[in-house]
Amino acid sequence: MFRPRAKLVKYSEPLGDAAIRDAFSSVSSGSPFWHAFDQVIDQTLLDMIDRVSDPAITETHGKLAHASGGVDAISTLKAKIQRFRSLDADLG
């Protein structure tokens, strides 16, 4: 089974928290971009939740821990993005 690999995009300088917040806030909250972006993240999160709840997965397969970690990682990513999208985010 072929899975496309993630590609890391390198930039000359990393953005600080304030610059990330400013970049996210430059896209209006009603933009179709956010609808599409949230939909992709939510679908990935739901896929991982489905894997966790699959009764065929047992801990001996190691897949349960992997899927549970995926749920946690995606949930954390979504929360971090929401924090940056907030104009009054505490970036301290």
C-alpha atoms as a PDB file:
ATOM      1  CA  MET A   1       0.000   0.000   0.000  1.00  0.00           C
ATOM      2  CA  PHE A   2       1.473   3.342  -1.072  1.00  0.00           C
ATOM      3  CA  ARG A   3       1.160   6.330   1.248  1.00  0.00           C
ATOM      4  CA  PRO A   4       2.428   9.704   0.091  1.00  0.00           C
ATOM      5  CA  ARG A   5       5.039  11.051   2.457  1.00  0.00           C
ATOM      6  CA  ALA A   6       4.878  14.441   4.094  1.00  0.00           C
ATOM      7  CA  LYS A   7       7.214  17.017   2.682  1.00  0.00           C
ATOM      8  CA  LEU A   8       8.803  19.536   5.018  1.00  0.00           C
ATOM      9  CA  VAL A   9       8.990  23.003   3.497  1.00  0.00           C
ATOM     10  CA  LYS A  10      11.996  24.956   4.668  1.00  0.00           C
ATOM     11  CA  TYR A  11      12.025  28.724   4.969  1.00  0.00           C
ATOM     12  CA  SER A  12      15.058  30.878   5.650  1.00  0.00           C
ATOM     13  CA  GLU A  13      13.700  32.219   8.943  1.00  0.00           C
ATOM     14  CA  PRO A  14      11.116  30.654  11.267  1.00  0.00           C
ATOM     15  CA  LEU A  15       8.171  32.856  12.237  1.00  0.00           C
ATOM     16  CA  GLY A  16       7.648  33.890  15.822  1.00  0.00           C
ATOM     17  CA  ASP A  17       4.312  33.452  17.599  1.00  0.00           C
ATOM     18  CA  ALA A  18       3.176  37.015  16.842  1.00  0.00           C
ATOM     19  CA  ALA A  19       3.997  36.647  13.134  1.00  0.00           C
ATOM     20  CA  ILE A  20       2.084  33.345  12.987  1.00  0.00           C
ATOM     21  CA  ARG A  21      -0.905  34.965  14.671  1.00  0.00           C
ATOM     22  CA  ASP A  22      -0.728  37.904  12.248  1.00  0.00           C
ATOM     23  CA  ALA A  23      -0.538  35.563   9.248  1.00  0.00           C
ATOM     24  CA  PHE A  24      -3.550  33.567  10.439  1.00  0.00           C
ATOM     25  CA  SER A  25      -5.534  36.726  11.180  1.00  0.00           C
ATOM     26  CA  SER A  26      -4.822  38.041   7.663  1.00  0.00           C
ATOM     27  CA  VAL A  27      -7.263  35.414   6.384  1.00  0.00           C
ATOM     28  CA  SER A  28     -10.826  36.478   7.230  1.00  0.00           C
ATOM     29  CA  SER A  29     -12.715  34.186   9.582  1.00  0.00           C
ATOM     30  CA  GLY A  30     -15.436  33.631   6.942  1.00  0.00           C
ATOM     31  CA  SER A  31     -12.940  32.623   4.265  1.00  0.00           C
ATOM     32  CA  PRO A  32     -13.487  29.313   2.461  1.00  0.00           C
ATOM     33  CA  PHE A  33      -9.841  28.595   3.325  1.00  0.00           C
ATOM     34  CA  TRP A  34     -10.725  28.075   6.999  1.00  0.00           C
ATOM     35  CA  HIS A  35     -13.702  25.911   6.092  1.00  0.00           C
ATOM     36  CA  ALA A  36     -11.480  23.673   3.952  1.00  0.00           C
ATOM     37  CA  PHE A  37      -8.623  23.704   6.467  1.00  0.00           C
ATOM     38  CA  ASP A  38     -10.873  22.771   9.393  1.00  0.00           C
ATOM     39  CA  GLN A  39     -12.591  20.089   7.326  1.00  0.00           C
ATOM     40  CA  VAL A  40      -9.275  18.389   6.479  1.00  0.00           C
ATOM     41  CA  ILE A  41      -8.143  18.441  10.120  1.00  0.00           C
ATOM     42  CA  ASP A  42     -11.538  17.298  11.421  1.00  0.00           C
ATOM     43  CA  GLN A  43     -11.720  14.426   8.939  1.00  0.00           C
ATOM     44  CA  THR A  44      -8.237  13.282   9.931  1.00  0.00           C
ATOM     45  CA  LEU A  45      -9.214  13.486  13.600  1.00  0.00           C
ATOM     46  CA  LEU A  46     -12.400  11.494  12.982  1.00  0.00           C
ATOM     47  CA  ASP A  47     -10.413   8.849  11.075  1.00  0.00           C
ATOM     48  CA  MET A  48      -8.101   8.428  14.078  1.00  0.00           C
ATOM     49  CA  ILE A  49     -11.066   8.264  16.476  1.00  0.00           C
ATOM     50  CA  ASP A  50     -12.580   5.532  14.287  1.00  0.00           C
ATOM     51  CA  ARG A  51      -9.316   3.603  14.534  1.00  0.00           C
ATOM     52  CA  VAL A  52      -9.256   3.923  18.333  1.00  0.00           C
ATOM     53  CA  SER A  53     -12.819   2.667  18.619  1.00  0.00           C
ATOM     54  CA  ASP A  54     -12.323  -0.277  16.231  1.00  0.00           C
ATOM     55  CA  PRO A  55     -13.039  -3.407  18.312  1.00  0.00           C
ATOM     56  CA  ALA A  56     -10.680  -5.425  16.099  1.00  0.00           C
ATOM     57  CA  ILE A  57      -7.700  -3.435  17.380  1.00  0.00           C
ATOM     58  CA  THR A  58      -6.085  -4.893  20.446  1.00  0.00           C
ATOM     59  CA  GLU A  59      -3.225  -3.487  22.457  1.00  0.00           C
ATOM     60  CA  THR A  60      -1.047  -6.403  21.386  1.00  0.00           C
ATOM     61  CA  HIS A  61      -1.067  -5.036  17.859  1.00  0.00           C
ATOM     62  CA  GLY A  62       0.300  -1.700  19.036  1.00  0.00           C
ATOM     63  CA  LYS A  63      -2.190   0.006  16.743  1.00  0.00           C
ATOM     64  CA  LEU A  64      -4.338   1.250  19.626  1.00  0.00           C
ATOM     65  CA  ALA A  65      -1.479   3.250  21.124  1.00  0.00           C
ATOM     66  CA  HIS A  66      -0.590   4.612  17.679  1.00  0.00           C
ATOM     67  CA  ALA A  67      -4.179   5.683  16.969  1.00  0.00           C
ATOM     68  CA  SER A  68      -4.593   7.177  20.452  1.00  0.00           C
ATOM     69  CA  GLY A  69      -1.406   9.167  19.970  1.00  0.00           C
ATOM     70  CA  GLY A  70      -2.750  10.384  16.637  1.00  0.00           C
ATOM     71  CA  VAL A  71      -5.946  11.633  18.260  1.00  0.00           C
ATOM     72  CA  ASP A  72      -3.920  13.499  20.872  1.00  0.00           C
ATOM     73  CA  ALA A  73      -1.519  14.989  18.312  1.00  0.00           C
ATOM     74  CA  ILE A  74      -4.258  16.173  15.950  1.00  0.00           C
ATOM     75  CA  SER A  75      -6.357  17.567  18.822  1.00  0.00           C
ATOM     76  CA  THR A  76      -3.321  19.462  20.103  1.00  0.00           C
ATOM     77  CA  LEU A  77      -2.583  20.809  16.609  1.00  0.00           C
ATOM     78  CA  LYS A  78      -6.173  21.998  16.214  1.00  0.00           C
ATOM     79  CA  ALA A  79      -6.079  23.744  19.623  1.00  0.00           C
ATOM     80  CA  LYS A  80      -2.753  25.405  18.769  1.00  0.00           C
ATOM     81  CA  ILE A  81      -4.124  26.702  15.458  1.00  0.00           C
ATOM     82  CA  GLN A  82      -7.236  28.030  17.222  1.00  0.00           C
ATOM     83  CA  ARG A  83      -4.980  29.819  19.711  1.00  0.00           C
ATOM     84  CA  PHE A  84      -3.036  31.494  16.926  1.00  0.00           C
ATOM     85  CA  ARG A  85      -6.240  32.444  15.109  1.00  0.00           C
ATOM     86  CA  SER A  86      -7.447  34.352  18.154  1.00  0.00           C
ATOM     87  CA  LEU A  87      -6.511  38.008  17.910  1.00  0.00           C
ATOM     88  CA  ASP A  88      -6.326  38.312  21.683  1.00  0.00           C
ATOM     89  CA  ALA A  89      -4.134  35.218  22.067  1.00  0.00           C
ATOM     90  CA  ASP A  90      -1.748  35.293  24.994  1.00  0.00           C
ATOM     91  CA  LEU A  91       1.575  34.838  23.258  1.00  0.00           C
ATOM     92  CA  GLY A  92       3.615  35.327  26.428  1.00  0.00           C
END
